[in-house]
């Protein structure tokens, strides 16, 4: 799939006609549905640094569980506390 770096969490669609996967770039996290010819359709996207994304379909194909995580860190220094 051109243009979609760092794929994560590949899961087959229940009908076997495509895959659900995530794409992680420095600017955003994108959940995709990809058909068997490699055509990607954006299902969900959020802008964040650090983290992951993927989707898992229900067995009947009616629902999609989406995991999107963001990792942030911060350091505070206190003197004379």
PDB file of N, CA and C in Angstrom:
ATOM      1  N   UNK A   1       0.844  -1.175   0.000  1.00  0.00           N
ATOM      2  CA  UNK A   1       0.000   0.000   0.000  1.00  0.00           C
ATOM      3  C   UNK A   1       0.890   1.239   0.000  1.00  0.00           C
ATOM      4  N   UNK A   2       0.888   1.943  -1.083  1.00  0.00           N
ATOM      5  CA  UNK A   2       1.699   3.147  -1.186  1.00  0.00           C
ATOM      6  C   UNK A   2       1.116   4.265  -0.328  1.00  0.00           C
ATOM      7  N   UNK A   3       2.015   4.991   0.323  1.00  0.00           N
ATOM      8  CA  UNK A   3       1.594   6.154   1.094  1.00  0.00           C
ATOM      9  C   UNK A   3       1.159   5.890   2.516  1.00  0.00           C
ATOM     10  N   UNK A   4       1.140   4.646   2.937  1.00  0.00           N
ATOM     11  CA  UNK A   4       0.729   4.317   4.302  1.00  0.00           C
ATOM     12  C   UNK A   4       1.875   3.603   5.005  1.00  0.00           C
ATOM     13  N   UNK A   5       2.651   4.341   5.820  1.00  0.00           N
ATOM     14  CA  UNK A   5       3.815   3.746   6.483  1.00  0.00           C
ATOM     15  C   UNK A   5       3.444   2.981   7.751  1.00  0.00           C
ATOM     16  N   UNK A   6       4.361   2.152   8.202  1.00  0.00           N
ATOM     17  CA  UNK A   6       4.305   1.525   9.530  1.00  0.00           C
ATOM     18  C   UNK A   6       2.950   0.913   9.843  1.00  0.00           C
ATOM     19  N   UNK A   7       2.588  -0.132   9.127  1.00  0.00           N
ATOM     20  CA  UNK A   7       1.297  -0.789   9.340  1.00  0.00           C
ATOM     21  C   UNK A   7       1.291  -1.576  10.640  1.00  0.00           C
ATOM     22  N   UNK A   8       0.143  -1.555  11.327  1.00  0.00           N
ATOM     23  CA  UNK A   8      -0.013  -2.251  12.601  1.00  0.00           C
ATOM     24  C   UNK A   8      -1.333  -3.012  12.605  1.00  0.00           C
ATOM     25  N   UNK A   9      -1.392  -4.068  13.393  1.00  0.00           N
ATOM     26  CA  UNK A   9      -2.637  -4.766  13.695  1.00  0.00           C
ATOM     27  C   UNK A   9      -3.443  -5.248  12.512  1.00  0.00           C
ATOM     28  N   UNK A  10      -2.909  -6.147  11.703  1.00  0.00           N
ATOM     29  CA  UNK A  10      -3.660  -6.681  10.564  1.00  0.00           C
ATOM     30  C   UNK A  10      -4.711  -7.687  11.032  1.00  0.00           C
ATOM     31  N   UNK A  11      -5.961  -7.448  10.637  1.00  0.00           N
ATOM     32  CA  UNK A  11      -7.062  -8.364  10.955  1.00  0.00           C
ATOM     33  C   UNK A  11      -7.953  -8.513   9.734  1.00  0.00           C
ATOM     34  N   UNK A  12      -8.276  -9.762   9.364  1.00  0.00           N
ATOM     35  CA  UNK A  12      -9.152 -10.024   8.225  1.00  0.00           C
ATOM     36  C   UNK A  12     -10.557  -9.520   8.493  1.00  0.00           C
ATOM     37  N   UNK A  13     -11.224  -9.032   7.460  1.00  0.00           N
ATOM     38  CA  UNK A  13     -12.650  -8.728   7.572  1.00  0.00           C
ATOM     39  C   UNK A  13     -13.402 -10.057   7.567  1.00  0.00           C
ATOM     40  N   UNK A  14     -14.567 -10.117   8.206  1.00  0.00           N
ATOM     41  CA  UNK A  14     -15.293 -11.390   8.312  1.00  0.00           C
ATOM     42  C   UNK A  14     -15.663 -12.004   6.953  1.00  0.00           C
ATOM     43  N   UNK A  15     -15.862 -11.178   5.928  1.00  0.00           N
ATOM     44  CA  UNK A  15     -16.203 -11.719   4.613  1.00  0.00           C
ATOM     45  C   UNK A  15     -14.979 -12.169   3.816  1.00  0.00           C
ATOM     46  N   UNK A  16     -13.764 -11.927   4.342  1.00  0.00           N
ATOM     47  CA  UNK A  16     -12.539 -12.350   3.685  1.00  0.00           C
ATOM     48  C   UNK A  16     -12.152 -11.511   2.483  1.00  0.00           C
ATOM     49  N   UNK A  17     -12.813 -10.359   2.306  1.00  0.00           N
ATOM     50  CA  UNK A  17     -12.548  -9.527   1.136  1.00  0.00           C
ATOM     51  C   UNK A  17     -11.628  -8.349   1.424  1.00  0.00           C
ATOM     52  N   UNK A  18     -11.048  -8.311   2.606  1.00  0.00           N
ATOM     53  CA  UNK A  18     -10.159  -7.206   2.937  1.00  0.00           C
ATOM     54  C   UNK A  18      -9.560  -7.361   4.316  1.00  0.00           C
ATOM     55  N   UNK A  19      -8.772  -6.370   4.679  1.00  0.00           N
ATOM     56  CA  UNK A  19      -8.098  -6.337   5.971  1.00  0.00           C
ATOM     57  C   UNK A  19      -8.367  -5.007   6.661  1.00  0.00           C
ATOM     58  N   UNK A  20      -8.355  -5.048   7.984  1.00  0.00           N
ATOM     59  CA  UNK A  20      -8.343  -3.830   8.783  1.00  0.00           C
ATOM     60  C   UNK A  20      -6.926  -3.677   9.317  1.00  0.00           C
ATOM     61  N   UNK A  21      -6.379  -2.490   9.208  1.00  0.00           N
ATOM     62  CA  UNK A  21      -5.037  -2.265   9.730  1.00  0.00           C
ATOM     63  C   UNK A  21      -4.868  -0.796  10.100  1.00  0.00           C
ATOM     64  N   UNK A  22      -3.848  -0.545  10.890  1.00  0.00           N
ATOM     65  CA  UNK A  22      -3.513   0.815  11.276  1.00  0.00           C
ATOM     66  C   UNK A  22      -2.265   1.277  10.561  1.00  0.00           C
ATOM     67  N   UNK A  23      -2.149   2.581  10.383  1.00  0.00           N
ATOM     68  CA  UNK A  23      -0.945   3.185   9.828  1.00  0.00           C
ATOM     69  C   UNK A  23      -0.497   4.271  10.797  1.00  0.00           C
ATOM     70  N   UNK A  24       0.780   4.209  11.182  1.00  0.00           N
ATOM     71  CA  UNK A  24       1.325   5.149  12.160  1.00  0.00           C
ATOM     72  C   UNK A  24       2.361   6.026  11.478  1.00  0.00           C
ATOM     73  N   UNK A  25       2.128   7.330  11.486  1.00  0.00           N
ATOM     74  CA  UNK A  25       3.102   8.286  10.975  1.00  0.00           C
ATOM     75  C   UNK A  25       3.416   9.274  12.092  1.00  0.00           C
ATOM     76  N   UNK A  26       4.446  10.092  11.941  1.00  0.00           N
ATOM     77  CA  UNK A  26       4.753  11.062  13.005  1.00  0.00           C
ATOM     78  C   UNK A  26       3.619  12.044  13.279  1.00  0.00           C
ATOM     79  N   UNK A  27       2.779  12.314  12.299  1.00  0.00           N
ATOM     80  CA  UNK A  27       1.713  13.295  12.460  1.00  0.00           C
ATOM     81  C   UNK A  27       0.377  12.710  12.908  1.00  0.00           C
ATOM     82  N   UNK A  28       0.088  11.453  12.560  1.00  0.00           N
ATOM     83  CA  UNK A  28      -1.248  10.935  12.854  1.00  0.00           C
ATOM     84  C   UNK A  28      -1.275   9.412  12.940  1.00  0.00           C
ATOM     85  N   UNK A  29      -2.412   8.922  13.414  1.00  0.00           N
ATOM     86  CA  UNK A  29      -2.731   7.499  13.470  1.00  0.00           C
ATOM     87  C   UNK A  29      -3.983   7.308  12.627  1.00  0.00           C
ATOM     88  N   UNK A  30      -3.961   6.326  11.726  1.00  0.00           N
ATOM     89  CA  UNK A  30      -5.069   6.147  10.790  1.00  0.00           C
ATOM     90  C   UNK A  30      -5.497   4.688  10.774  1.00  0.00           C
ATOM     91  N   UNK A  31      -6.804   4.435  10.897  1.00  0.00           N
ATOM     92  CA  UNK A  31      -7.364   3.098  10.763  1.00  0.00           C
ATOM     93  C   UNK A  31      -7.867   2.951   9.333  1.00  0.00           C
ATOM     94  N   UNK A  32      -7.456   1.859   8.674  1.00  0.00           N
ATOM     95  CA  UNK A  32      -7.772   1.644   7.265  1.00  0.00           C
ATOM     96  C   UNK A  32      -8.510   0.334   7.045  1.00  0.00           C
ATOM     97  N   UNK A  33      -9.317   0.307   5.993  1.00  0.00           N
ATOM     98  CA  UNK A  33      -9.822  -0.949   5.449  1.00  0.00           C
ATOM     99  C   UNK A  33      -9.179  -1.080   4.082  1.00  0.00           C
ATOM    100  N   UNK A  34      -8.509  -2.207   3.837  1.00  0.00           N
ATOM    101  CA  UNK A  34      -7.770  -2.427   2.600  1.00  0.00           C
ATOM    102  C   UNK A  34      -8.370  -3.621   1.876  1.00  0.00           C
ATOM    103  N   UNK A  35      -8.770  -3.421   0.606  1.00  0.00           N
ATOM    104  CA  UNK A  35      -9.306  -4.552  -0.154  1.00  0.00           C
ATOM    105  C   UNK A  35      -8.163  -5.417  -0.681  1.00  0.00           C
ATOM    106  N   UNK A  36      -8.493  -6.500  -1.341  1.00  0.00           N
ATOM    107  CA  UNK A  36      -7.486  -7.459  -1.781  1.00  0.00           C
ATOM    108  C   UNK A  36      -6.621  -6.942  -2.928  1.00  0.00           C
ATOM    109  N   UNK A  37      -7.007  -5.819  -3.525  1.00  0.00           N
ATOM    110  CA  UNK A  37      -6.196  -5.200  -4.577  1.00  0.00           C
ATOM    111  C   UNK A  37      -5.256  -4.132  -4.016  1.00  0.00           C
ATOM    112  N   UNK A  38      -5.310  -3.906  -2.702  1.00  0.00           N
ATOM    113  CA  UNK A  38      -4.434  -2.928  -2.067  1.00  0.00           C
ATOM    114  C   UNK A  38      -5.004  -1.528  -1.976  1.00  0.00           C
ATOM    115  N   UNK A  39      -6.276  -1.354  -2.305  1.00  0.00           N
ATOM    116  CA  UNK A  39      -6.920  -0.037  -2.191  1.00  0.00           C
ATOM    117  C   UNK A  39      -7.311   0.219  -0.747  1.00  0.00           C
ATOM    118  N   UNK A  40      -6.831   1.322  -0.193  1.00  0.00           N
ATOM    119  CA  UNK A  40      -7.080   1.640   1.219  1.00  0.00           C
ATOM    120  C   UNK A  40      -8.172   2.697   1.347  1.00  0.00           C
ATOM    121  N   UNK A  41      -9.049   2.485   2.312  1.00  0.00           N
ATOM    122  CA  UNK A  41     -10.101   3.458   2.646  1.00  0.00           C
ATOM    123  C   UNK A  41      -9.925   3.848   4.106  1.00  0.00           C
ATOM    124  N   UNK A  42      -9.860   5.153   4.365  1.00  0.00           N
ATOM    125  CA  UNK A  42      -9.692   5.655   5.724  1.00  0.00           C
ATOM    126  C   UNK A  42     -11.016   5.506   6.487  1.00  0.00           C
ATOM    127  N   UNK A  43     -10.952   4.851   7.651  1.00  0.00           N
ATOM    128  CA  UNK A  43     -12.124   4.691   8.506  1.00  0.00           C
ATOM    129  C   UNK A  43     -12.124   5.667   9.672  1.00  0.00           C
ATOM    130  N   UNK A  44     -10.927   5.938  10.206  1.00  0.00           N
ATOM    131  CA  UNK A  44     -10.824   6.811  11.379  1.00  0.00           C
ATOM    132  C   UNK A  44      -9.404   7.320  11.461  1.00  0.00           C
ATOM    133  N   UNK A  45      -9.246   8.563  11.892  1.00  0.00           N
ATOM    134  CA  UNK A  45      -7.906   9.142  11.995  1.00  0.00           C
ATOM    135  C   UNK A  45      -7.869  10.140  13.145  1.00  0.00           C
ATOM    136  N   UNK A  46      -6.745  10.154  13.848  1.00  0.00           N
ATOM    137  CA  UNK A  46      -6.546  11.187  14.855  1.00  0.00           C
ATOM    138  C   UNK A  46      -5.090  11.618  14.845  1.00  0.00           C
ATOM    139  N   UNK A  47      -4.873  12.861  15.187  1.00  0.00           N
ATOM    140  CA  UNK A  47      -3.536  13.432  15.178  1.00  0.00           C
ATOM    141  C   UNK A  47      -2.919  13.285  16.559  1.00  0.00           C
ATOM    142  N   UNK A  48      -1.739  12.671  16.587  1.00  0.00           N
ATOM    143  CA  UNK A  48      -1.052  12.463  17.857  1.00  0.00           C
ATOM    144  C   UNK A  48       0.381  12.045  17.585  1.00  0.00           C
ATOM    145  N   UNK A  49       1.226  12.277  18.553  1.00  0.00           N
ATOM    146  CA  UNK A  49       2.595  11.789  18.499  1.00  0.00           C
ATOM    147  C   UNK A  49       2.713  10.617  19.468  1.00  0.00           C
ATOM    148  N   UNK A  50       3.310   9.540  19.030  1.00  0.00           N
ATOM    149  CA  UNK A  50       3.441   8.361  19.871  1.00  0.00           C
ATOM    150  C   UNK A  50       2.120   7.644  20.017  1.00  0.00           C
ATOM    151  N   UNK A  51       2.161   6.343  20.011  1.00  0.00           N
ATOM    152  CA  UNK A  51       0.939   5.573  20.187  1.00  0.00           C
ATOM    153  C   UNK A  51       0.723   4.602  19.051  1.00  0.00           C
ATOM    154  N   UNK A  52      -0.450   3.986  19.033  1.00  0.00           N
ATOM    155  CA  UNK A  52      -0.759   2.963  18.039  1.00  0.00           C
ATOM    156  C   UNK A  52      -2.245   2.995  17.717  1.00  0.00           C
ATOM    157  N   UNK A  53      -2.651   2.218  16.715  1.00  0.00           N
ATOM    158  CA  UNK A  53      -4.066   2.120  16.354  1.00  0.00           C
ATOM    159  C   UNK A  53      -4.298   0.800  15.614  1.00  0.00           C
ATOM    160  N   UNK A  54      -5.433   0.181  15.865  1.00  0.00           N
ATOM    161  CA  UNK A  54      -5.867  -0.958  15.065  1.00  0.00           C
ATOM    162  C   UNK A  54      -7.339  -1.209  15.296  1.00  0.00           C
ATOM    163  N   UNK A  55      -7.935  -2.035  14.430  1.00  0.00           N
ATOM    164  CA  UNK A  55      -9.353  -2.368  14.533  1.00  0.00           C
ATOM    165  C   UNK A  55      -9.565  -3.857  14.373  1.00  0.00           C
ATOM    166  N   UNK A  56     -10.496  -4.398  15.150  1.00  0.00           N
ATOM    167  CA  UNK A  56     -10.825  -5.822  15.102  1.00  0.00           C
ATOM    168  C   UNK A  56     -12.337  -5.939  14.873  1.00  0.00           C
ATOM    169  N   UNK A  57     -12.751  -6.582  13.768  1.00  0.00           N
ATOM    170  CA  UNK A  57     -14.185  -6.696  13.489  1.00  0.00           C
ATOM    171  C   UNK A  57     -14.843  -7.803  14.300  1.00  0.00           C
ATOM    172  N   UNK A  58     -16.146  -7.634  14.541  1.00  0.00           N
ATOM    173  CA  UNK A  58     -16.908  -8.709  15.183  1.00  0.00           C
ATOM    174  C   UNK A  58     -17.103  -9.836  14.158  1.00  0.00           C
ATOM    175  N   UNK A  59     -17.380 -11.054  14.612  1.00  0.00           N
ATOM    176  CA  UNK A  59     -17.534 -12.187  13.686  1.00  0.00           C
ATOM    177  C   UNK A  59     -18.624 -11.982  12.631  1.00  0.00           C
ATOM    178  N   UNK A  60     -19.688 -11.235  12.968  1.00  0.00           N
ATOM    179  CA  UNK A  60     -20.751 -11.005  11.987  1.00  0.00           C
ATOM    180  C   UNK A  60     -20.490  -9.774  11.109  1.00  0.00           C
ATOM    181  N   UNK A  61     -19.417  -9.038  11.379  1.00  0.00           N
ATOM    182  CA  UNK A  61     -19.055  -7.882  10.566  1.00  0.00           C
ATOM    183  C   UNK A  61     -19.854  -6.619  10.825  1.00  0.00           C
ATOM    184  N   UNK A  62     -20.694  -6.625  11.844  1.00  0.00           N
ATOM    185  CA  UNK A  62     -21.543  -5.460  12.123  1.00  0.00           C
ATOM    186  C   UNK A  62     -20.847  -4.401  12.982  1.00  0.00           C
ATOM    187  N   UNK A  63     -19.820  -4.806  13.716  1.00  0.00           N
ATOM    188  CA  UNK A  63     -19.151  -3.891  14.645  1.00  0.00           C
ATOM    189  C   UNK A  63     -17.642  -3.945  14.435  1.00  0.00           C
ATOM    190  N   UNK A  64     -17.001  -2.876  14.852  1.00  0.00           N
ATOM    191  CA  UNK A  64     -15.550  -2.807  14.759  1.00  0.00           C
ATOM    192  C   UNK A  64     -15.014  -2.245  16.065  1.00  0.00           C
ATOM    193  N   UNK A  65     -14.230  -3.040  16.768  1.00  0.00           N
ATOM    194  CA  UNK A  65     -13.578  -2.569  17.994  1.00  0.00           C
ATOM    195  C   UNK A  65     -12.315  -1.827  17.585  1.00  0.00           C
ATOM    196  N   UNK A  66     -12.157  -0.603  18.063  1.00  0.00           N
ATOM    197  CA  UNK A  66     -11.021   0.235  17.688  1.00  0.00           C
ATOM    198  C   UNK A  66     -10.188   0.530  18.924  1.00  0.00           C
ATOM    199  N   UNK A  67      -8.893   0.285  18.802  1.00  0.00           N
ATOM    200  CA  UNK A  67      -7.971   0.672  19.854  1.00  0.00           C
ATOM    201  C   UNK A  67      -7.089   1.769  19.304  1.00  0.00           C
ATOM    202  N   UNK A  68      -7.062   2.877  19.994  1.00  0.00           N
ATOM    203  CA  UNK A  68      -6.170   3.979  19.646  1.00  0.00           C
ATOM    204  C   UNK A  68      -5.531   4.474  20.920  1.00  0.00           C
ATOM    205  N   UNK A  69      -4.234   4.394  20.984  1.00  0.00           N
ATOM    206  CA  UNK A  69      -3.528   4.808  22.191  1.00  0.00           C
ATOM    207  C   UNK A  69      -2.529   5.899  21.898  1.00  0.00           C
ATOM    208  N   UNK A  70      -2.348   6.775  22.853  1.00  0.00           N
ATOM    209  CA  UNK A  70      -1.378   7.856  22.737  1.00  0.00           C
ATOM    210  C   UNK A  70      -0.473   7.808  23.948  1.00  0.00           C
ATOM    211  N   UNK A  71       0.808   7.959  23.725  1.00  0.00           N
ATOM    212  CA  UNK A  71       1.774   7.965  24.802  1.00  0.00           C
ATOM    213  C   UNK A  71       2.396   9.343  24.910  1.00  0.00           C
ATOM    214  N   UNK A  72       2.274   9.945  26.045  1.00  0.00           N
ATOM    215  CA  UNK A  72       2.901  11.239  26.315  1.00  0.00           C
ATOM    216  C   UNK A  72       3.699  11.126  27.603  1.00  0.00           C
ATOM    217  N   UNK A  73       4.742  11.899  27.694  1.00  0.00           N
ATOM    218  CA  UNK A  73       5.545  11.897  28.908  1.00  0.00           C
ATOM    219  C   UNK A  73       5.949  13.330  29.228  1.00  0.00           C
ATOM    220  N   UNK A  74       6.141  13.597  30.509  1.00  0.00           N
ATOM    221  CA  UNK A  74       6.529  14.917  30.940  1.00  0.00           C
ATOM    222  C   UNK A  74       7.358  14.763  32.209  1.00  0.00           C
ATOM    223  N   UNK A  75       8.307  15.634  32.377  1.00  0.00           N
ATOM    224  CA  UNK A  75       9.173  15.597  33.552  1.00  0.00           C
ATOM    225  C   UNK A  75       9.104  16.938  34.252  1.00  0.00           C
ATOM    226  N   UNK A  76       8.941  16.882  35.564  1.00  0.00           N
ATOM    227  CA  UNK A  76       8.932  18.098  36.378  1.00  0.00           C
ATOM    228  C   UNK A  76      10.053  17.999  37.391  1.00  0.00           C
ATOM    229  N   UNK A  77      10.735  19.089  37.607  1.00  0.00           N
ATOM    230  CA  UNK A  77      11.773  19.116  38.640  1.00  0.00           C
ATOM    231  C   UNK A  77      11.376  20.170  39.664  1.00  0.00           C
ATOM    232  N   UNK A  78      11.368  19.754  40.920  1.00  0.00           N
ATOM    233  CA  UNK A  78      11.061  20.670  42.022  1.00  0.00           C
ATOM    234  C   UNK A  78      12.292  20.779  42.914  1.00  0.00           C
ATOM    235  N   UNK A  79      12.659  21.994  43.203  1.00  0.00           N
ATOM    236  CA  UNK A  79      13.788  22.211  44.088  1.00  0.00           C
ATOM    237  C   UNK A  79      13.300  22.855  45.384  1.00  0.00           C
ATOM    238  N   UNK A  80      13.934  22.507  46.483  1.00  0.00           N
ATOM    239  CA  UNK A  80      13.574  23.093  47.756  1.00  0.00           C
ATOM    240  C   UNK A  80      12.206  22.687  48.246  1.00  0.00           C
ATOM    241  N   UNK A  81      11.779  21.532  47.932  1.00  0.00           N
ATOM    242  CA  UNK A  81      10.443  21.067  48.304  1.00  0.00           C
ATOM    243  C   UNK A  81      10.426  20.532  49.697  1.00  0.00           C
TER     244      UNK A  81
END
